[in-house]
């Protein structure tokens, strides 16, 4: 078994910026019927 826990992209964007980062780019990475969000950020 493998376990996952995802927030949506908007929530992740908020968490990343609240942690002290500036998001430089954001891209959807397709995978099967869904996908992930790839963030490039700078402290």
ModelCIF file with pLDDT and N, C-alpha, C, O atoms, coordinates in Angstrom:
data_MODEL
#
_entry.id   MODEL 
#
_entity.id                         1 
_entity.type                       polymer 
_entity.pdbx_number_of_molecules   1 
#
_entity_poly.entity_id                      1 
_entity_poly.type                           'polypeptide(L)' 
_entity_poly.nstd_linkage                   no 
_entity_poly.nstd_monomer                   no 
_entity_poly.pdbx_seq_one_letter_code       
;(UNK)(UNK)(UNK)(UNK)(UNK)(UNK)(UNK)(UNK)(UNK)(UNK)(UNK)(UNK)(UNK)(UNK)(UNK)(UNK)
(UNK)(UNK)(UNK)(UNK)(UNK)(UNK)(UNK)(UNK)(UNK)(UNK)(UNK)(UNK)(UNK)(UNK)(UNK)(UNK)
(UNK)(UNK)(UNK)(UNK)(UNK)(UNK)(UNK)(UNK)(UNK)(UNK)(UNK)
;
_entity_poly.pdbx_seq_one_letter_code_can   XXXXXXXXXXXXXXXXXXXXXXXXXXXXXXXXXXXXXXXXXXX 
_entity_poly.pdbx_strand_id                 A 
#
loop_
_entity_poly_seq.entity_id 
_entity_poly_seq.num 
_entity_poly_seq.mon_id 
_entity_poly_seq.hetero 
1 1  UNK n 
1 2  UNK n 
1 3  UNK n 
1 4  UNK n 
1 5  UNK n 
1 6  UNK n 
1 7  UNK n 
1 8  UNK n 
1 9  UNK n 
1 10 UNK n 
1 11 UNK n 
1 12 UNK n 
1 13 UNK n 
1 14 UNK n 
1 15 UNK n 
1 16 UNK n 
1 17 UNK n 
1 18 UNK n 
1 19 UNK n 
1 20 UNK n 
1 21 UNK n 
1 22 UNK n 
1 23 UNK n 
1 24 UNK n 
1 25 UNK n 
1 26 UNK n 
1 27 UNK n 
1 28 UNK n 
1 29 UNK n 
1 30 UNK n 
1 31 UNK n 
1 32 UNK n 
1 33 UNK n 
1 34 UNK n 
1 35 UNK n 
1 36 UNK n 
1 37 UNK n 
1 38 UNK n 
1 39 UNK n 
1 40 UNK n 
1 41 UNK n 
1 42 UNK n 
1 43 UNK n 
#
_struct_asym.id          A 
_struct_asym.entity_id   1 
#
loop_
_ma_qa_metric.id 
_ma_qa_metric.mode 
_ma_qa_metric.name 
_ma_qa_metric.software_group_id 
_ma_qa_metric.type 
1 global pLDDT . pLDDT 
2 local  pLDDT . pLDDT 
#
_ma_qa_metric_global.metric_id      1 
_ma_qa_metric_global.metric_value   96.35 
_ma_qa_metric_global.model_id       1 
_ma_qa_metric_global.ordinal_id     1 
#
loop_
_ma_qa_metric_local.label_asym_id 
_ma_qa_metric_local.label_comp_id 
_ma_qa_metric_local.label_seq_id 
_ma_qa_metric_local.metric_id 
_ma_qa_metric_local.metric_value 
_ma_qa_metric_local.model_id 
_ma_qa_metric_local.ordinal_id 
A UNK 1  2 93.00 1 1  
A UNK 2  2 93.00 1 2  
A UNK 3  2 94.00 1 3  
A UNK 4  2 94.00 1 4  
A UNK 5  2 96.00 1 5  
A UNK 6  2 93.00 1 6  
A UNK 7  2 97.00 1 7  
A UNK 8  2 97.00 1 8  
A UNK 9  2 98.00 1 9  
A UNK 10 2 98.00 1 10 
A UNK 11 2 98.00 1 11 
A UNK 12 2 98.00 1 12 
A UNK 13 2 98.00 1 13 
A UNK 14 2 98.00 1 14 
A UNK 15 2 98.00 1 15 
A UNK 16 2 98.00 1 16 
A UNK 17 2 98.00 1 17 
A UNK 18 2 98.00 1 18 
A UNK 19 2 98.00 1 19 
A UNK 20 2 98.00 1 20 
A UNK 21 2 98.00 1 21 
A UNK 22 2 98.00 1 22 
A UNK 23 2 98.00 1 23 
A UNK 24 2 98.00 1 24 
A UNK 25 2 98.00 1 25 
A UNK 26 2 98.00 1 26 
A UNK 27 2 98.00 1 27 
A UNK 28 2 98.00 1 28 
A UNK 29 2 97.00 1 29 
A UNK 30 2 96.00 1 30 
A UNK 31 2 91.00 1 31 
A UNK 32 2 86.00 1 32 
A UNK 33 2 88.00 1 33 
A UNK 34 2 90.00 1 34 
A UNK 35 2 95.00 1 35 
A UNK 36 2 97.00 1 36 
A UNK 37 2 98.00 1 37 
A UNK 38 2 98.00 1 38 
A UNK 39 2 98.00 1 39 
A UNK 40 2 98.00 1 40 
A UNK 41 2 98.00 1 41 
A UNK 42 2 98.00 1 42 
A UNK 43 2 98.00 1 43 
#
loop_
_atom_site.group_PDB 
_atom_site.id 
_atom_site.type_symbol 
_atom_site.label_atom_id 
_atom_site.label_alt_id 
_atom_site.label_comp_id 
_atom_site.label_asym_id 
_atom_site.label_entity_id 
_atom_site.label_seq_id 
_atom_site.pdbx_PDB_ins_code 
_atom_site.Cartn_x 
_atom_site.Cartn_y 
_atom_site.Cartn_z 
_atom_site.occupancy 
_atom_site.B_iso_or_equiv 
_atom_site.pdbx_formal_charge 
_atom_site.auth_seq_id 
_atom_site.auth_comp_id 
_atom_site.auth_asym_id 
_atom_site.auth_atom_id 
_atom_site.pdbx_PDB_model_num 
ATOM 1   N N  . UNK A 1 1  ? 0.823  -1.209 0.000   1.00 93.00 ? 1  UNK A N  1 
ATOM 2   C CA . UNK A 1 1  ? 0.000  0.000  0.000   1.00 93.00 ? 1  UNK A CA 1 
ATOM 3   C C  . UNK A 1 1  ? 0.861  1.264  0.000   1.00 93.00 ? 1  UNK A C  1 
ATOM 4   O O  . UNK A 1 1  ? 1.957  1.290  0.560   1.00 93.00 ? 1  UNK A O  1 
ATOM 5   N N  . UNK A 1 2  ? 0.336  2.308  -0.643  1.00 93.00 ? 2  UNK A N  1 
ATOM 6   C CA . UNK A 1 2  ? 0.995  3.613  -0.653  1.00 93.00 ? 2  UNK A CA 1 
ATOM 7   C C  . UNK A 1 2  ? -0.061 4.645  -0.290  1.00 93.00 ? 2  UNK A C  1 
ATOM 8   O O  . UNK A 1 2  ? -1.195 4.588  -0.765  1.00 93.00 ? 2  UNK A O  1 
ATOM 9   N N  . UNK A 1 3  ? 0.331  5.592  0.561   1.00 94.00 ? 3  UNK A N  1 
ATOM 10  C CA . UNK A 1 3  ? -0.596 6.611  1.055   1.00 94.00 ? 3  UNK A CA 1 
ATOM 11  C C  . UNK A 1 3  ? -0.210 7.980  0.527   1.00 94.00 ? 3  UNK A C  1 
ATOM 12  O O  . UNK A 1 3  ? 0.976  8.298  0.437   1.00 94.00 ? 3  UNK A O  1 
ATOM 13  N N  . UNK A 1 4  ? -1.204 8.798  0.176   1.00 94.00 ? 4  UNK A N  1 
ATOM 14  C CA . UNK A 1 4  ? -1.004 10.159 -0.313  1.00 94.00 ? 4  UNK A CA 1 
ATOM 15  C C  . UNK A 1 4  ? -1.899 11.118 0.457   1.00 94.00 ? 4  UNK A C  1 
ATOM 16  O O  . UNK A 1 4  ? -2.939 10.734 0.991   1.00 94.00 ? 4  UNK A O  1 
ATOM 17  N N  . UNK A 1 5  ? -1.474 12.364 0.499   1.00 96.00 ? 5  UNK A N  1 
ATOM 18  C CA . UNK A 1 5  ? -2.318 13.423 1.017   1.00 96.00 ? 5  UNK A CA 1 
ATOM 19  C C  . UNK A 1 5  ? -1.984 14.700 0.245   1.00 96.00 ? 5  UNK A C  1 
ATOM 20  O O  . UNK A 1 5  ? -0.889 15.247 0.377   1.00 96.00 ? 5  UNK A O  1 
ATOM 21  N N  . UNK A 1 6  ? -2.933 15.165 -0.559  1.00 93.00 ? 6  UNK A N  1 
ATOM 22  C CA . UNK A 1 6  ? -2.724 16.334 -1.418  1.00 93.00 ? 6  UNK A CA 1 
ATOM 23  C C  . UNK A 1 6  ? -3.633 17.465 -0.979  1.00 93.00 ? 6  UNK A C  1 
ATOM 24  O O  . UNK A 1 6  ? -4.804 17.244 -0.669  1.00 93.00 ? 6  UNK A O  1 
ATOM 25  N N  . UNK A 1 7  ? -3.104 18.657 -0.953  1.00 97.00 ? 7  UNK A N  1 
ATOM 26  C CA . UNK A 1 7  ? -3.939 19.853 -0.983  1.00 97.00 ? 7  UNK A CA 1 
ATOM 27  C C  . UNK A 1 7  ? -4.015 20.268 -2.452  1.00 97.00 ? 7  UNK A C  1 
ATOM 28  O O  . UNK A 1 7  ? -3.267 19.752 -3.283  1.00 97.00 ? 7  UNK A O  1 
ATOM 29  N N  . UNK A 1 8  ? -4.903 21.185 -2.767  1.00 97.00 ? 8  UNK A N  1 
ATOM 30  C CA . UNK A 1 8  ? -4.979 21.646 -4.157  1.00 97.00 ? 8  UNK A CA 1 
ATOM 31  C C  . UNK A 1 8  ? -3.863 22.646 -4.448  1.00 97.00 ? 8  UNK A C  1 
ATOM 32  O O  . UNK A 1 8  ? -3.183 23.113 -3.534  1.00 97.00 ? 8  UNK A O  1 
ATOM 33  N N  . UNK A 1 9  ? -3.682 22.966 -5.713  1.00 98.00 ? 9  UNK A N  1 
ATOM 34  C CA . UNK A 1 9  ? -2.575 23.840 -6.128  1.00 98.00 ? 9  UNK A CA 1 
ATOM 35  C C  . UNK A 1 9  ? -2.656 25.212 -5.475  1.00 98.00 ? 9  UNK A C  1 
ATOM 36  O O  . UNK A 1 9  ? -1.627 25.765 -5.084  1.00 98.00 ? 9  UNK A O  1 
ATOM 37  N N  . UNK A 1 10 ? -3.861 25.777 -5.346  1.00 98.00 ? 10 UNK A N  1 
ATOM 38  C CA . UNK A 1 10 ? -4.001 27.104 -4.736  1.00 98.00 ? 10 UNK A CA 1 
ATOM 39  C C  . UNK A 1 10 ? -3.562 27.078 -3.267  1.00 98.00 ? 10 UNK A C  1 
ATOM 40  O O  . UNK A 1 10 ? -2.899 28.003 -2.797  1.00 98.00 ? 10 UNK A O  1 
ATOM 41  N N  . UNK A 1 11 ? -3.929 26.035 -2.560  1.00 98.00 ? 11 UNK A N  1 
ATOM 42  C CA . UNK A 1 11 ? -3.519 25.912 -1.152  1.00 98.00 ? 11 UNK A CA 1 
ATOM 43  C C  . UNK A 1 11 ? -2.015 25.754 -1.057  1.00 98.00 ? 11 UNK A C  1 
ATOM 44  O O  . UNK A 1 11 ? -1.376 26.380 -0.211  1.00 98.00 ? 11 UNK A O  1 
ATOM 45  N N  . UNK A 1 12 ? -1.440 24.921 -1.918  1.00 98.00 ? 12 UNK A N  1 
ATOM 46  C CA . UNK A 1 12 ? 0.020  24.755 -1.908  1.00 98.00 ? 12 UNK A CA 1 
ATOM 47  C C  . UNK A 1 12 ? 0.726  26.062 -2.220  1.00 98.00 ? 12 UNK A C  1 
ATOM 48  O O  . UNK A 1 12 ? 1.742  26.378 -1.600  1.00 98.00 ? 12 UNK A O  1 
ATOM 49  N N  . UNK A 1 13 ? 0.210  26.820 -3.162  1.00 98.00 ? 13 UNK A N  1 
ATOM 50  C CA . UNK A 1 13 ? 0.783  28.120 -3.493  1.00 98.00 ? 13 UNK A CA 1 
ATOM 51  C C  . UNK A 1 13 ? 0.793  29.023 -2.253  1.00 98.00 ? 13 UNK A C  1 
ATOM 52  O O  . UNK A 1 13 ? 1.787  29.692 -1.973  1.00 98.00 ? 13 UNK A O  1 
ATOM 53  N N  . UNK A 1 14 ? -0.315 29.035 -1.522  1.00 98.00 ? 14 UNK A N  1 
ATOM 54  C CA . UNK A 1 14 ? -0.413 29.837 -0.294  1.00 98.00 ? 14 UNK A CA 1 
ATOM 55  C C  . UNK A 1 14 ? 0.588  29.359 0.744   1.00 98.00 ? 14 UNK A C  1 
ATOM 56  O O  . UNK A 1 14 ? 1.292  30.170 1.345   1.00 98.00 ? 14 UNK A O  1 
ATOM 57  N N  . UNK A 1 15 ? 0.660  28.053 0.961   1.00 98.00 ? 15 UNK A N  1 
ATOM 58  C CA . UNK A 1 15 ? 1.591  27.507 1.964   1.00 98.00 ? 15 UNK A CA 1 
ATOM 59  C C  . UNK A 1 15 ? 3.042  27.840 1.623   1.00 98.00 ? 15 UNK A C  1 
ATOM 60  O O  . UNK A 1 15 ? 3.830  28.177 2.506   1.00 98.00 ? 15 UNK A O  1 
ATOM 61  N N  . UNK A 1 16 ? 3.387  27.745 0.351   1.00 98.00 ? 16 UNK A N  1 
ATOM 62  C CA . UNK A 1 16 ? 4.768  28.028 -0.076  1.00 98.00 ? 16 UNK A CA 1 
ATOM 63  C C  . UNK A 1 16 ? 5.102  29.493 0.182   1.00 98.00 ? 16 UNK A C  1 
ATOM 64  O O  . UNK A 1 16 ? 6.180  29.805 0.688   1.00 98.00 ? 16 UNK A O  1 
ATOM 65  N N  . UNK A 1 17 ? 4.196  30.381 -0.158  1.00 98.00 ? 17 UNK A N  1 
ATOM 66  C CA . UNK A 1 17 ? 4.475  31.800 0.075   1.00 98.00 ? 17 UNK A CA 1 
ATOM 67  C C  . UNK A 1 17 ? 4.460  32.126 1.562   1.00 98.00 ? 17 UNK A C  1 
ATOM 68  O O  . UNK A 1 17 ? 5.263  32.941 2.016   1.00 98.00 ? 17 UNK A O  1 
ATOM 69  N N  . UNK A 1 18 ? 3.567  31.510 2.331   1.00 98.00 ? 18 UNK A N  1 
ATOM 70  C CA . UNK A 1 18 ? 3.542  31.743 3.778   1.00 98.00 ? 18 UNK A CA 1 
ATOM 71  C C  . UNK A 1 18 ? 4.813  31.236 4.451   1.00 98.00 ? 18 UNK A C  1 
ATOM 72  O O  . UNK A 1 18 ? 5.208  31.746 5.500   1.00 98.00 ? 18 UNK A O  1 
ATOM 73  N N  . UNK A 1 19 ? 5.450  30.237 3.855   1.00 98.00 ? 19 UNK A N  1 
ATOM 74  C CA . UNK A 1 19 ? 6.692  29.689 4.416   1.00 98.00 ? 19 UNK A CA 1 
ATOM 75  C C  . UNK A 1 19 ? 7.876  30.621 4.182   1.00 98.00 ? 19 UNK A C  1 
ATOM 76  O O  . UNK A 1 19 ? 8.936  30.426 4.778   1.00 98.00 ? 19 UNK A O  1 
ATOM 77  N N  . UNK A 1 20 ? 7.716  31.631 3.326   1.00 98.00 ? 20 UNK A N  1 
ATOM 78  C CA . UNK A 1 20 ? 8.799  32.579 3.099   1.00 98.00 ? 20 UNK A CA 1 
ATOM 79  C C  . UNK A 1 20 ? 9.400  32.545 1.705   1.00 98.00 ? 20 UNK A C  1 
ATOM 80  O O  . UNK A 1 20 ? 10.514 33.023 1.490   1.00 98.00 ? 20 UNK A O  1 
ATOM 81  N N  . UNK A 1 21 ? 8.666  31.982 0.765   1.00 98.00 ? 21 UNK A N  1 
ATOM 82  C CA . UNK A 1 21 ? 9.160  31.881 -0.605  1.00 98.00 ? 21 UNK A CA 1 
ATOM 83  C C  . UNK A 1 21 ? 8.396  32.816 -1.537  1.00 98.00 ? 21 UNK A C  1 
ATOM 84  O O  . UNK A 1 21 ? 7.245  33.172 -1.286  1.00 98.00 ? 21 UNK A O  1 
ATOM 85  N N  . UNK A 1 22 ? 9.062  33.199 -2.610  1.00 98.00 ? 22 UNK A N  1 
ATOM 86  C CA . UNK A 1 22 ? 8.421  33.869 -3.736  1.00 98.00 ? 22 UNK A CA 1 
ATOM 87  C C  . UNK A 1 22 ? 8.379  32.859 -4.870  1.00 98.00 ? 22 UNK A C  1 
ATOM 88  O O  . UNK A 1 22 ? 9.419  32.341 -5.277  1.00 98.00 ? 22 UNK A O  1 
ATOM 89  N N  . UNK A 1 23 ? 7.205  32.578 -5.378  1.00 98.00 ? 23 UNK A N  1 
ATOM 90  C CA . UNK A 1 23 ? 7.074  31.603 -6.461  1.00 98.00 ? 23 UNK A CA 1 
ATOM 91  C C  . UNK A 1 23 ? 7.486  32.262 -7.770  1.00 98.00 ? 23 UNK A C  1 
ATOM 92  O O  . UNK A 1 23 ? 6.929  33.281 -8.178  1.00 98.00 ? 23 UNK A O  1 
ATOM 93  N N  . UNK A 1 24 ? 8.478  31.651 -8.420  1.00 98.00 ? 24 UNK A N  1 
ATOM 94  C CA . UNK A 1 24 ? 8.992  32.153 -9.695  1.00 98.00 ? 24 UNK A CA 1 
ATOM 95  C C  . UNK A 1 24 ? 8.264  31.540 -10.884 1.00 98.00 ? 24 UNK A C  1 
ATOM 96  O O  . UNK A 1 24 ? 8.084  32.199 -11.908 1.00 98.00 ? 24 UNK A O  1 
ATOM 97  N N  . UNK A 1 25 ? 7.841  30.276 -10.754 1.00 98.00 ? 25 UNK A N  1 
ATOM 98  C CA . UNK A 1 25 ? 7.059  29.642 -11.818 1.00 98.00 ? 25 UNK A CA 1 
ATOM 99  C C  . UNK A 1 25 ? 6.282  28.465 -11.240 1.00 98.00 ? 25 UNK A C  1 
ATOM 100 O O  . UNK A 1 25 ? 6.631  27.893 -10.207 1.00 98.00 ? 25 UNK A O  1 
ATOM 101 N N  . UNK A 1 26 ? 5.226  28.136 -11.950 1.00 98.00 ? 26 UNK A N  1 
ATOM 102 C CA . UNK A 1 26 ? 4.319  27.058 -11.530 1.00 98.00 ? 26 UNK A CA 1 
ATOM 103 C C  . UNK A 1 26 ? 3.816  26.362 -12.786 1.00 98.00 ? 26 UNK A C  1 
ATOM 104 O O  . UNK A 1 26 ? 3.379  27.018 -13.732 1.00 98.00 ? 26 UNK A O  1 
ATOM 105 N N  . UNK A 1 27 ? 3.878  25.033 -12.798 1.00 98.00 ? 27 UNK A N  1 
ATOM 106 C CA . UNK A 1 27 ? 3.467  24.273 -13.976 1.00 98.00 ? 27 UNK A CA 1 
ATOM 107 C C  . UNK A 1 27 ? 2.707  23.028 -13.560 1.00 98.00 ? 27 UNK A C  1 
ATOM 108 O O  . UNK A 1 27 ? 3.030  22.398 -12.553 1.00 98.00 ? 27 UNK A O  1 
ATOM 109 N N  . UNK A 1 28 ? 1.704  22.679 -14.336 1.00 98.00 ? 28 UNK A N  1 
ATOM 110 C CA . UNK A 1 28 ? 0.975  21.425 -14.143 1.00 98.00 ? 28 UNK A CA 1 
ATOM 111 C C  . UNK A 1 28 ? 1.773  20.295 -14.778 1.00 98.00 ? 28 UNK A C  1 
ATOM 112 O O  . UNK A 1 28 ? 2.219  20.419 -15.919 1.00 98.00 ? 28 UNK A O  1 
ATOM 113 N N  . UNK A 1 29 ? 1.955  19.203 -14.057 1.00 97.00 ? 29 UNK A N  1 
ATOM 114 C CA . UNK A 1 29 ? 2.661  18.027 -14.557 1.00 97.00 ? 29 UNK A CA 1 
ATOM 115 C C  . UNK A 1 29 ? 1.638  16.894 -14.650 1.00 97.00 ? 29 UNK A C  1 
ATOM 116 O O  . UNK A 1 29 ? 1.273  16.319 -13.624 1.00 97.00 ? 29 UNK A O  1 
ATOM 117 N N  . UNK A 1 30 ? 1.166  16.556 -15.862 1.00 96.00 ? 30 UNK A N  1 
ATOM 118 C CA . UNK A 1 30 ? 0.146  15.515 -15.989 1.00 96.00 ? 30 UNK A CA 1 
ATOM 119 C C  . UNK A 1 30 ? 0.679  14.136 -15.612 1.00 96.00 ? 30 UNK A C  1 
ATOM 120 O O  . UNK A 1 30 ? 1.833  13.796 -15.873 1.00 96.00 ? 30 UNK A O  1 
ATOM 121 N N  . UNK A 1 31 ? -0.197 13.361 -14.993 1.00 91.00 ? 31 UNK A N  1 
ATOM 122 C CA . UNK A 1 31 ? 0.139  11.974 -14.648 1.00 91.00 ? 31 UNK A CA 1 
ATOM 123 C C  . UNK A 1 31 ? -1.158 11.186 -14.625 1.00 91.00 ? 31 UNK A C  1 
ATOM 124 O O  . UNK A 1 31 ? -2.031 11.444 -13.796 1.00 91.00 ? 31 UNK A O  1 
ATOM 125 N N  . UNK A 1 32 ? -1.290 10.227 -15.528 1.00 86.00 ? 32 UNK A N  1 
ATOM 126 C CA . UNK A 1 32 ? -2.523 9.446  -15.607 1.00 86.00 ? 32 UNK A CA 1 
ATOM 127 C C  . UNK A 1 32 ? -3.723 10.353 -15.797 1.00 86.00 ? 32 UNK A C  1 
ATOM 128 O O  . UNK A 1 32 ? -3.721 11.219 -16.673 1.00 86.00 ? 32 UNK A O  1 
ATOM 129 N N  . UNK A 1 33 ? -4.749 10.158 -14.980 1.00 88.00 ? 33 UNK A N  1 
ATOM 130 C CA . UNK A 1 33 ? -5.958 10.983 -15.084 1.00 88.00 ? 33 UNK A CA 1 
ATOM 131 C C  . UNK A 1 33 ? -5.867 12.249 -14.230 1.00 88.00 ? 33 UNK A C  1 
ATOM 132 O O  . UNK A 1 33 ? -6.829 13.014 -14.154 1.00 88.00 ? 33 UNK A O  1 
ATOM 133 N N  . UNK A 1 34 ? -4.723 12.473 -13.590 1.00 90.00 ? 34 UNK A N  1 
ATOM 134 C CA . UNK A 1 34 ? -4.537 13.642 -12.735 1.00 90.00 ? 34 UNK A CA 1 
ATOM 135 C C  . UNK A 1 34 ? -3.196 14.282 -12.995 1.00 90.00 ? 34 UNK A C  1 
ATOM 136 O O  . UNK A 1 34 ? -2.755 14.418 -14.136 1.00 90.00 ? 34 UNK A O  1 
ATOM 137 N N  . UNK A 1 35 ? -2.561 14.669 -11.912 1.00 95.00 ? 35 UNK A N  1 
ATOM 138 C CA . UNK A 1 35 ? -1.242 15.252 -12.051 1.00 95.00 ? 35 UNK A CA 1 
ATOM 139 C C  . UNK A 1 35 ? -0.806 15.979 -10.800 1.00 95.00 ? 35 UNK A C  1 
ATOM 140 O O  . UNK A 1 35 ? -1.468 15.922 -9.763  1.00 95.00 ? 35 UNK A O  1 
ATOM 141 N N  . UNK A 1 36 ? 0.298  16.652 -10.909 1.00 97.00 ? 36 UNK A N  1 
ATOM 142 C CA . UNK A 1 36 ? 0.900  17.384 -9.800  1.00 97.00 ? 36 UNK A CA 1 
ATOM 143 C C  . UNK A 1 36 ? 1.220  18.803 -10.243 1.00 97.00 ? 36 UNK A C  1 
ATOM 144 O O  . UNK A 1 36 ? 1.125  19.136 -11.424 1.00 97.00 ? 36 UNK A O  1 
ATOM 145 N N  . UNK A 1 37 ? 1.595  19.622 -9.291  1.00 98.00 ? 37 UNK A N  1 
ATOM 146 C CA . UNK A 1 37 ? 2.029  20.975 -9.609  1.00 98.00 ? 37 UNK A CA 1 
ATOM 147 C C  . UNK A 1 37 ? 3.507  21.085 -9.275  1.00 98.00 ? 37 UNK A C  1 
ATOM 148 O O  . UNK A 1 37 ? 3.939  20.697 -8.190  1.00 98.00 ? 37 UNK A O  1 
ATOM 149 N N  . UNK A 1 38 ? 4.277  21.615 -10.210 1.00 98.00 ? 38 UNK A N  1 
ATOM 150 C CA . UNK A 1 38 ? 5.708  21.841 -10.031 1.00 98.00 ? 38 UNK A CA 1 
ATOM 151 C C  . UNK A 1 38 ? 5.912  23.319 -9.748  1.00 98.00 ? 38 UNK A C  1 
ATOM 152 O O  . UNK A 1 38 ? 5.498  24.173 -10.532 1.00 98.00 ? 38 UNK A O  1 
ATOM 153 N N  . UNK A 1 39 ? 6.555  23.618 -8.622  1.00 98.00 ? 39 UNK A N  1 
ATOM 154 C CA . UNK A 1 39 ? 6.841  24.996 -8.236  1.00 98.00 ? 39 UNK A CA 1 
ATOM 155 C C  . UNK A 1 39 ? 8.343  25.234 -8.229  1.00 98.00 ? 39 UNK A C  1 
ATOM 156 O O  . UNK A 1 39 ? 9.108  24.418 -7.715  1.00 98.00 ? 39 UNK A O  1 
ATOM 157 N N  . UNK A 1 40 ? 8.761  26.362 -8.806  1.00 98.00 ? 40 UNK A N  1 
ATOM 158 C CA . UNK A 1 40 ? 10.106 26.910 -8.645  1.00 98.00 ? 40 UNK A CA 1 
ATOM 159 C C  . UNK A 1 40 ? 9.928  28.132 -7.763  1.00 98.00 ? 40 UNK A C  1 
ATOM 160 O O  . UNK A 1 40 ? 9.161  29.031 -8.107  1.00 98.00 ? 40 UNK A O  1 
ATOM 161 N N  . UNK A 1 41 ? 10.614 28.183 -6.642  1.00 98.00 ? 41 UNK A N  1 
ATOM 162 C CA . UNK A 1 41 ? 10.466 29.307 -5.722  1.00 98.00 ? 41 UNK A CA 1 
ATOM 163 C C  . UNK A 1 41 ? 11.826 29.714 -5.184  1.00 98.00 ? 41 UNK A C  1 
ATOM 164 O O  . UNK A 1 41 ? 12.791 28.951 -5.229  1.00 98.00 ? 41 UNK A O  1 
ATOM 165 N N  . UNK A 1 42 ? 11.875 30.945 -4.671  1.00 98.00 ? 42 UNK A N  1 
ATOM 166 C CA . UNK A 1 42 ? 13.106 31.465 -4.053  1.00 98.00 ? 42 UNK A CA 1 
ATOM 167 C C  . UNK A 1 42 ? 12.771 31.959 -2.663  1.00 98.00 ? 42 UNK A C  1 
ATOM 168 O O  . UNK A 1 42 ? 11.705 32.526 -2.421  1.00 98.00 ? 42 UNK A O  1 
ATOM 169 N N  . UNK A 1 43 ? 13.705 31.731 -1.753  1.00 98.00 ? 43 UNK A N  1 
ATOM 170 C CA . UNK A 1 43 ? 13.517 32.240 -0.395  1.00 98.00 ? 43 UNK A CA 1 
ATOM 171 C C  . UNK A 1 43 ? 13.631 33.760 -0.403  1.00 98.00 ? 43 UNK A C  1 
ATOM 172 O O  . UNK A 1 43 ? 13.505 34.395 0.644   1.00 98.00 ? 43 UNK A O  1 
#
